[in-house]
Amino acid sequence: MTAIAISEPGGPLVLKPERRPVPQPGSGEILIRVRAAGVNRPDVAQRTGAYPPPPGASDLPGLEVAGEVAGLGEGVERWRVGDQVCALAAGGGYAEYVTVPAGHALPVPAGFTFSEAAAVPETYFTVWHNVFERGGLKAGETLLVHGGSSGIGTTAIQLAAARGSRVIATAGSADKCDICLKLGAARAVNYREEDFVKAVKEATEGKGANVILDMIGGDYVDRNYVAAAEEGRIVQIATQGGAVASANFARLMAKRLVHTGSTLRPRSIEFKAAVAAALEAEVWPLLASRRVAPVMDMIFPLKEAWRAHERLESGEAIGKIVLDVA
C-alpha cells in the first residue's frame, strides 16, 4: 500500500510517500480500506518530533479515517467486510489501509461522503468528552470556546448550540467570527481587536462562562479564570500559546473553579470505545439530520499531505482539512 511517512522531524516536506505492507487486523480489530483521512494538529506535532506515537501505535501520522471494512480480526462481531465506517485511529491514517479496534469505528453518518465522515472522529470524540463529559456542559449554560473557526471550535459551537447551550467563540478575523455566528454562536469575539474577557462579561451580564474549552494556554489561563462563572469548568485540550503559565489561584478558589484537561490519543481502548458508544447514541442522530456537520476547509490528495500541513499551519483554514485516499 501507499502510505505517508515522516522521513525525519521537520517541516511539511518531510512527509514522504512510501510503500508499506498492508497491516493485518489483530484480535478485536478491523482493517479499513481508507478512502479519506482527517488532518489534525497532533499530526503536525508528531511530524515535528514533539508528539511521538504511543507504544504499539503506527509510526505513520493520521488519527481519523473513513472507508470500507476490508478485513476482520478474531472476535469482531458487529462489522462485516464492505461496511462503510469512520474511525478513530491511534496512528496510521495517512495510508491506503489501517487497522483500528472494532469499538473505535462507527457507521458513516447517513448521507455523508467519505471526506465528510473522515472529518468527524477526532474532533467529535475530543469535543464530546471534554465539553460534555469532563466539562459537564448543560442546556442553558454558556460555553466559551477559543479557536472557534478550527475543526474543534466549529464542532463545539454546533454541538453545544444543538444541545441547548449558549456559545461565545473567539476567532482571529471578522470572516472567522462570521462563520462562528452562522454555526450557532450567540457572540463571536475577534481576539485581535477585542478583549475576550470583557466581551464574555458583557454577553453574560457579568456572570461569566460556565464552561471554557481552551486550546491556547499561556496567558489565556489567568484570563480564563476571570472570564469564568462561579463553579465554572475550564477544560484544557492544547497549549498552542505555551504550556507554562502564571495564574492567580485566588480567583480559582474564590469562584470554586475546576481547571482540568485531557489528551485523547494515549487513552485506553476501552475508554475510546465508551466515547464512541456515547457519540453513536447522542450525536449520530444530529449528524444524520444535519443539525450538526463538519465544516470542510480543503481536500488534498494523499500524496500531497505536505500541502495539507502547510494549510493547517497557515492559520487560514476554517474547519477541517482532509486527505483524499481513494
Protein backbone atom coordinates (compact mmCIF):
# COMPACT_ATOMS: atom_id res chain seq x y z
CA MET A 1 0.00 0.00 0.00
CA THR A 2 0.96 3.66 -0.30
CA ALA A 3 1.50 5.47 2.98
CA ILE A 4 2.78 8.88 4.02
CA ALA A 5 5.73 8.57 6.39
CA ILE A 6 7.68 11.13 8.37
CA SER A 7 11.17 10.84 6.92
CA GLU A 8 12.67 12.91 9.75
CA PRO A 9 11.38 15.52 12.19
CA GLY A 10 10.83 18.81 10.43
CA GLY A 11 8.60 20.89 8.18
CA PRO A 12 5.78 19.73 5.91
CA LEU A 13 8.14 18.47 3.18
CA VAL A 14 9.38 15.64 5.43
CA LEU A 15 6.06 13.91 4.69
CA LYS A 16 7.04 11.39 2.01
CA PRO A 17 5.03 8.72 0.17
CA GLU A 18 6.43 5.21 0.56
CA ARG A 19 5.34 1.62 0.02
CA ARG A 20 4.50 -0.48 3.06
CA PRO A 21 2.89 -3.85 3.73
CA VAL A 22 -0.85 -3.79 4.34
CA PRO A 23 -1.34 -4.17 8.13
CA GLN A 24 -3.25 -7.20 9.36
CA PRO A 25 -6.04 -6.88 11.95
CA GLY A 26 -5.36 -8.45 15.30
CA SER A 27 -7.89 -9.81 17.75
CA GLY A 28 -10.76 -7.35 18.16
CA GLU A 29 -9.57 -5.16 15.28
CA ILE A 30 -10.85 -4.34 11.80
CA LEU A 31 -8.89 -3.50 8.68
CA ILE A 32 -10.19 -0.40 6.87
CA ARG A 33 -9.62 0.42 3.21
CA VAL A 34 -9.12 4.14 3.73
CA ARG A 35 -10.97 6.47 1.37
CA ALA A 36 -10.30 9.70 3.26
CA ALA A 37 -8.24 10.74 6.29
CA GLY A 38 -8.57 13.78 8.51
CA VAL A 39 -5.64 16.13 9.20
CA ASN A 40 -5.20 17.43 12.75
CA ARG A 41 -2.85 19.46 14.93
CA PRO A 42 -1.46 16.33 16.64
CA ASP A 43 -0.28 15.17 13.19
CA VAL A 44 1.73 18.37 12.88
CA ALA A 45 3.17 17.91 16.36
CA GLN A 46 4.17 14.33 15.51
CA ARG A 47 5.78 15.48 12.27
CA THR A 48 7.98 17.97 14.14
CA GLY A 49 9.01 15.36 16.71
CA ALA A 50 7.02 16.90 19.57
CA TYR A 51 4.31 14.23 19.86
CA PRO A 52 5.59 10.67 19.44
CA PRO A 53 3.01 7.90 18.91
CA PRO A 54 2.06 5.87 21.99
CA PRO A 55 3.59 2.40 22.45
CA GLY A 56 2.25 -0.09 19.93
CA ALA A 57 0.76 2.54 17.60
CA SER A 58 1.77 3.01 13.98
CA ASP A 59 4.60 5.45 13.33
CA LEU A 60 2.55 6.92 10.48
CA PRO A 61 0.51 10.07 11.17
CA GLY A 62 -3.26 10.12 10.90
CA LEU A 63 -5.81 9.86 13.72
CA GLU A 64 -9.12 9.62 11.85
CA VAL A 65 -10.28 7.86 8.70
CA ALA A 66 -13.31 6.82 6.71
CA GLY A 67 -13.63 3.92 4.29
CA GLU A 68 -14.81 0.34 3.95
CA VAL A 69 -14.15 -2.60 6.24
CA ALA A 70 -11.68 -4.82 4.36
CA GLY A 71 -10.84 -7.43 6.99
CA LEU A 72 -11.92 -8.69 10.41
CA GLY A 73 -9.79 -9.80 13.32
CA GLU A 74 -10.76 -12.61 15.64
CA GLY A 75 -13.78 -11.86 17.83
CA VAL A 76 -15.22 -8.98 15.81
CA GLU A 77 -18.98 -9.36 15.65
CA ARG A 78 -20.56 -6.04 14.74
CA TRP A 79 -18.83 -5.32 11.42
CA ARG A 80 -18.84 -7.10 8.08
CA VAL A 81 -16.49 -6.72 5.13
CA GLY A 82 -17.81 -3.91 2.96
CA ASP A 83 -19.41 -1.90 5.77
CA GLN A 84 -18.80 1.83 5.45
CA VAL A 85 -17.24 3.21 8.62
CA CYS A 86 -15.38 6.14 10.06
CA ALA A 87 -12.97 5.53 12.90
CA LEU A 88 -10.58 6.96 15.43
CA ALA A 89 -7.03 5.64 14.99
CA ALA A 90 -4.02 5.83 17.30
CA GLY A 91 -1.96 6.47 14.15
CA GLY A 92 -1.55 5.18 10.62
CA GLY A 93 -4.41 7.04 8.97
CA TYR A 94 -2.26 8.57 6.22
CA ALA A 95 -2.31 5.31 4.25
CA GLU A 96 -4.47 3.18 1.99
CA TYR A 97 -5.17 0.71 4.81
CA VAL A 98 -5.24 1.00 8.58
CA THR A 99 -6.25 -1.25 11.48
CA VAL A 100 -8.29 0.02 14.42
CA PRO A 101 -10.05 -1.56 17.38
CA ALA A 102 -13.56 -2.50 16.29
CA GLY A 103 -15.09 -0.41 19.06
CA HIS A 104 -13.44 2.75 17.72
CA ALA A 105 -15.36 2.55 14.44
CA LEU A 106 -18.80 3.99 13.78
CA PRO A 107 -21.04 3.80 10.73
CA VAL A 108 -20.61 6.59 8.21
CA PRO A 109 -23.45 9.00 9.08
CA ALA A 110 -26.38 8.82 6.69
CA GLY A 111 -25.83 10.97 3.62
CA PHE A 112 -22.19 11.74 4.40
CA THR A 113 -19.38 11.45 1.87
CA PHE A 114 -16.22 9.66 2.93
CA SER A 115 -14.45 13.03 3.10
CA GLU A 116 -17.07 14.40 5.48
CA ALA A 117 -17.06 11.24 7.56
CA ALA A 118 -13.26 11.35 7.90
CA ALA A 119 -13.61 14.86 9.36
CA VAL A 120 -15.74 13.60 12.25
CA PRO A 121 -13.95 11.20 14.66
CA GLU A 122 -11.02 13.13 16.14
CA THR A 123 -12.93 16.37 16.72
CA TYR A 124 -16.20 14.80 17.84
CA PHE A 125 -14.51 12.37 20.25
CA THR A 126 -12.50 15.29 21.64
CA VAL A 127 -15.39 17.72 21.97
CA TRP A 128 -17.84 15.21 23.37
CA HIS A 129 -15.52 14.02 26.11
CA ASN A 130 -14.06 17.39 27.06
CA VAL A 131 -17.08 19.67 26.78
CA PHE A 132 -19.91 17.36 27.83
CA GLU A 133 -18.31 14.62 29.92
CA ARG A 134 -15.34 16.34 31.54
CA GLY A 135 -16.74 19.88 31.38
CA GLY A 136 -20.31 18.84 32.18
CA LEU A 137 -21.91 21.45 29.92
CA LYS A 138 -25.68 21.54 30.37
CA ALA A 139 -28.53 23.08 28.42
CA GLY A 140 -28.94 26.70 29.41
CA GLU A 141 -25.28 27.16 30.36
CA THR A 142 -22.74 29.28 28.49
CA LEU A 143 -19.75 27.78 26.70
CA LEU A 144 -16.72 29.88 25.76
CA VAL A 145 -14.73 28.16 23.02
CA HIS A 146 -11.38 29.53 21.91
CA GLY A 147 -10.34 28.94 18.30
CA GLY A 148 -13.95 28.91 17.19
CA SER A 149 -13.18 28.54 13.49
CA SER A 150 -10.93 25.49 13.93
CA GLY A 151 -12.09 21.92 13.48
CA ILE A 152 -12.54 21.58 17.23
CA GLY A 153 -14.15 25.00 17.52
CA THR A 154 -16.68 24.56 14.74
CA THR A 155 -17.66 21.20 16.22
CA ALA A 156 -18.01 22.57 19.76
CA ILE A 157 -20.15 25.50 18.62
CA GLN A 158 -22.58 23.30 16.73
CA LEU A 159 -22.89 20.58 19.34
CA ALA A 160 -23.32 22.97 22.25
CA ALA A 161 -25.91 25.06 20.41
CA ALA A 162 -27.80 21.97 19.25
CA ARG A 163 -27.98 20.71 22.83
CA GLY A 164 -29.39 23.97 24.18
CA SER A 165 -26.34 25.87 25.41
CA ARG A 166 -25.32 29.44 24.62
CA VAL A 167 -21.95 29.74 22.89
CA ILE A 168 -19.39 32.53 22.82
CA ALA A 169 -16.48 31.92 20.44
CA THR A 170 -13.16 33.63 19.84
CA ALA A 171 -11.53 33.82 16.41
CA GLY A 172 -8.82 35.82 14.66
CA SER A 173 -10.68 37.68 11.89
CA ALA A 174 -14.05 39.15 11.01
CA ASP A 175 -14.65 36.39 8.45
CA LYS A 176 -13.91 33.69 11.00
CA CYS A 177 -16.21 35.39 13.52
CA ASP A 178 -18.97 35.42 10.90
CA ILE A 179 -18.55 31.66 10.43
CA CYS A 180 -18.87 31.14 14.20
CA LEU A 181 -22.11 33.12 14.25
CA LYS A 182 -23.54 31.20 11.30
CA LEU A 183 -22.77 27.93 13.08
CA GLY A 184 -24.79 28.96 16.12
CA ALA A 185 -22.58 31.10 18.37
CA ALA A 186 -24.51 33.87 20.10
CA ARG A 187 -21.41 36.05 20.23
CA ALA A 188 -18.12 35.92 18.32
CA VAL A 189 -15.09 37.83 19.58
CA ASN A 190 -12.24 38.89 17.29
CA TYR A 191 -9.40 38.43 19.74
CA ARG A 192 -7.13 40.67 17.66
CA GLU A 193 -9.46 43.63 18.24
CA GLU A 194 -11.39 42.86 21.44
CA ASP A 195 -10.69 41.64 24.95
CA PHE A 196 -12.49 38.34 25.20
CA VAL A 197 -12.80 38.64 28.99
CA LYS A 198 -14.69 41.91 28.70
CA ALA A 199 -16.85 40.54 25.87
CA VAL A 200 -17.78 37.44 27.87
CA LYS A 201 -18.70 39.51 30.91
CA GLU A 202 -20.87 41.81 28.80
CA ALA A 203 -22.58 38.92 26.99
CA THR A 204 -23.39 37.13 30.26
CA GLU A 205 -24.41 40.20 32.29
CA GLY A 206 -21.31 39.82 34.43
CA LYS A 207 -21.82 36.15 35.29
CA GLY A 208 -19.13 34.65 33.05
CA ALA A 209 -18.90 31.39 31.12
CA ASN A 210 -19.87 28.12 32.79
CA VAL A 211 -17.50 26.04 30.65
CA ILE A 212 -14.40 27.20 28.76
CA LEU A 213 -12.78 25.00 26.12
CA ASP A 214 -9.21 26.20 25.70
CA MET A 215 -6.52 25.08 23.28
CA ILE A 216 -4.28 28.13 23.83
CA GLY A 217 -2.91 28.03 27.37
CA GLY A 218 -0.17 30.58 28.09
CA ASP A 219 -1.57 33.92 29.22
CA TYR A 220 -5.11 32.73 28.45
CA VAL A 221 -5.07 30.66 31.65
CA ASP A 222 -5.39 33.59 34.03
CA ARG A 223 -7.76 35.42 31.69
CA ASN A 224 -9.99 32.34 31.57
CA TYR A 225 -10.21 32.43 35.35
CA VAL A 226 -11.52 35.99 35.12
CA ALA A 227 -13.96 35.12 32.31
CA ALA A 228 -15.33 32.04 34.09
CA ALA A 229 -18.53 32.00 36.10
CA GLU A 230 -18.69 30.80 39.69
CA GLU A 231 -18.44 26.98 39.72
CA GLY A 232 -17.03 27.26 36.17
CA ARG A 233 -15.11 24.47 34.47
CA ILE A 234 -12.07 25.22 32.28
CA VAL A 235 -11.01 22.30 30.08
CA GLN A 236 -7.52 22.42 28.55
CA ILE A 237 -7.02 20.38 25.38
CA ALA A 238 -3.86 22.02 23.94
CA THR A 239 -1.30 24.70 24.75
CA GLN A 240 -0.61 26.45 21.46
CA GLY A 241 0.22 29.65 23.35
CA GLY A 242 2.55 27.96 25.83
CA ALA A 243 2.45 25.03 28.26
CA VAL A 244 3.72 27.12 31.20
CA ALA A 245 1.62 29.92 32.64
CA SER A 246 1.30 32.21 35.63
CA ALA A 247 -2.17 32.36 37.17
CA ASN A 248 -3.87 33.92 40.19
CA PHE A 249 -5.17 30.92 42.08
CA ALA A 250 -7.09 33.18 44.44
CA ARG A 251 -9.59 33.57 41.59
CA LEU A 252 -9.82 29.81 41.20
CA MET A 253 -10.55 29.42 44.91
CA ALA A 254 -12.97 32.34 45.18
CA LYS A 255 -15.06 31.14 42.25
CA ARG A 256 -14.69 27.43 43.12
CA LEU A 257 -13.41 26.75 39.60
CA VAL A 258 -12.31 23.42 38.17
CA HIS A 259 -9.38 23.54 35.73
CA THR A 260 -8.95 20.17 34.09
CA GLY A 261 -7.65 18.82 30.81
CA SER A 262 -7.00 15.73 28.77
CA THR A 263 -5.35 14.22 25.72
CA LEU A 264 -7.15 11.61 23.64
CA ARG A 265 -4.50 9.61 21.79
CA PRO A 266 -2.90 7.79 24.77
CA ARG A 267 -6.22 6.79 26.36
CA SER A 268 -7.17 3.13 26.63
CA ILE A 269 -9.03 1.12 24.00
CA GLU A 270 -11.90 0.73 26.47
CA PHE A 271 -12.14 4.46 27.14
CA LYS A 272 -12.29 5.35 23.46
CA ALA A 273 -14.88 2.65 22.82
CA ALA A 274 -17.07 4.12 25.57
CA VAL A 275 -16.82 7.58 23.97
CA ALA A 276 -17.72 6.04 20.60
CA ALA A 277 -20.81 4.44 22.11
CA ALA A 278 -21.89 7.75 23.65
CA LEU A 279 -21.39 9.53 20.33
CA GLU A 280 -23.48 6.98 18.46
CA ALA A 281 -26.32 7.40 20.94
CA GLU A 282 -26.19 11.17 21.45
CA VAL A 283 -24.58 12.72 18.37
CA TRP A 284 -25.09 10.40 15.39
CA PRO A 285 -28.81 11.35 15.14
CA LEU A 286 -27.76 15.03 14.95
CA LEU A 287 -25.30 14.22 12.17
CA ALA A 288 -27.84 12.17 10.23
CA SER A 289 -30.30 15.07 10.35
CA ARG A 290 -27.55 17.62 9.51
CA ARG A 291 -28.31 19.61 12.63
CA VAL A 292 -24.54 19.38 13.05
CA ALA A 293 -21.93 18.61 10.40
CA PRO A 294 -18.19 19.05 9.89
CA VAL A 295 -17.18 22.35 8.34
CA MET A 296 -14.98 21.41 5.39
CA ASP A 297 -11.98 23.58 4.52
CA MET A 298 -9.89 21.88 1.79
CA ILE A 299 -9.27 18.37 0.46
CA PHE A 300 -5.80 17.30 -0.76
CA PRO A 301 -4.61 14.07 -2.43
CA LEU A 302 -2.87 11.66 -0.05
CA LYS A 303 0.49 12.14 -1.77
CA GLU A 304 0.22 15.91 -1.16
CA ALA A 305 -0.17 15.59 2.59
CA TRP A 306 2.60 18.18 2.94
CA ARG A 307 0.29 20.75 1.33
CA ALA A 308 -2.43 19.89 3.85
CA HIS A 309 0.03 20.52 6.68
CA GLU A 310 1.06 23.83 5.14
CA ARG A 311 -2.58 24.82 5.01
CA LEU A 312 -3.19 23.83 8.62
CA GLU A 313 -0.13 25.70 9.86
CA SER A 314 -1.00 28.82 7.85
CA GLY A 315 -3.79 29.64 10.27
CA GLU A 316 -6.11 30.33 7.35
CA ALA A 317 -8.13 27.12 7.49
CA ILE A 318 -11.73 27.24 8.63
CA GLY A 319 -12.93 23.85 9.79
CA LYS A 320 -11.45 20.55 8.69
CA ILE A 321 -8.73 19.61 6.22
CA VAL A 322 -8.96 16.11 4.70
CA LEU A 323 -6.80 13.84 2.55
CA ASP A 324 -8.43 12.01 -0.38
CA VAL A 325 -7.07 8.47 -0.37
CA ALA A 326 -9.41 6.87 -2.93
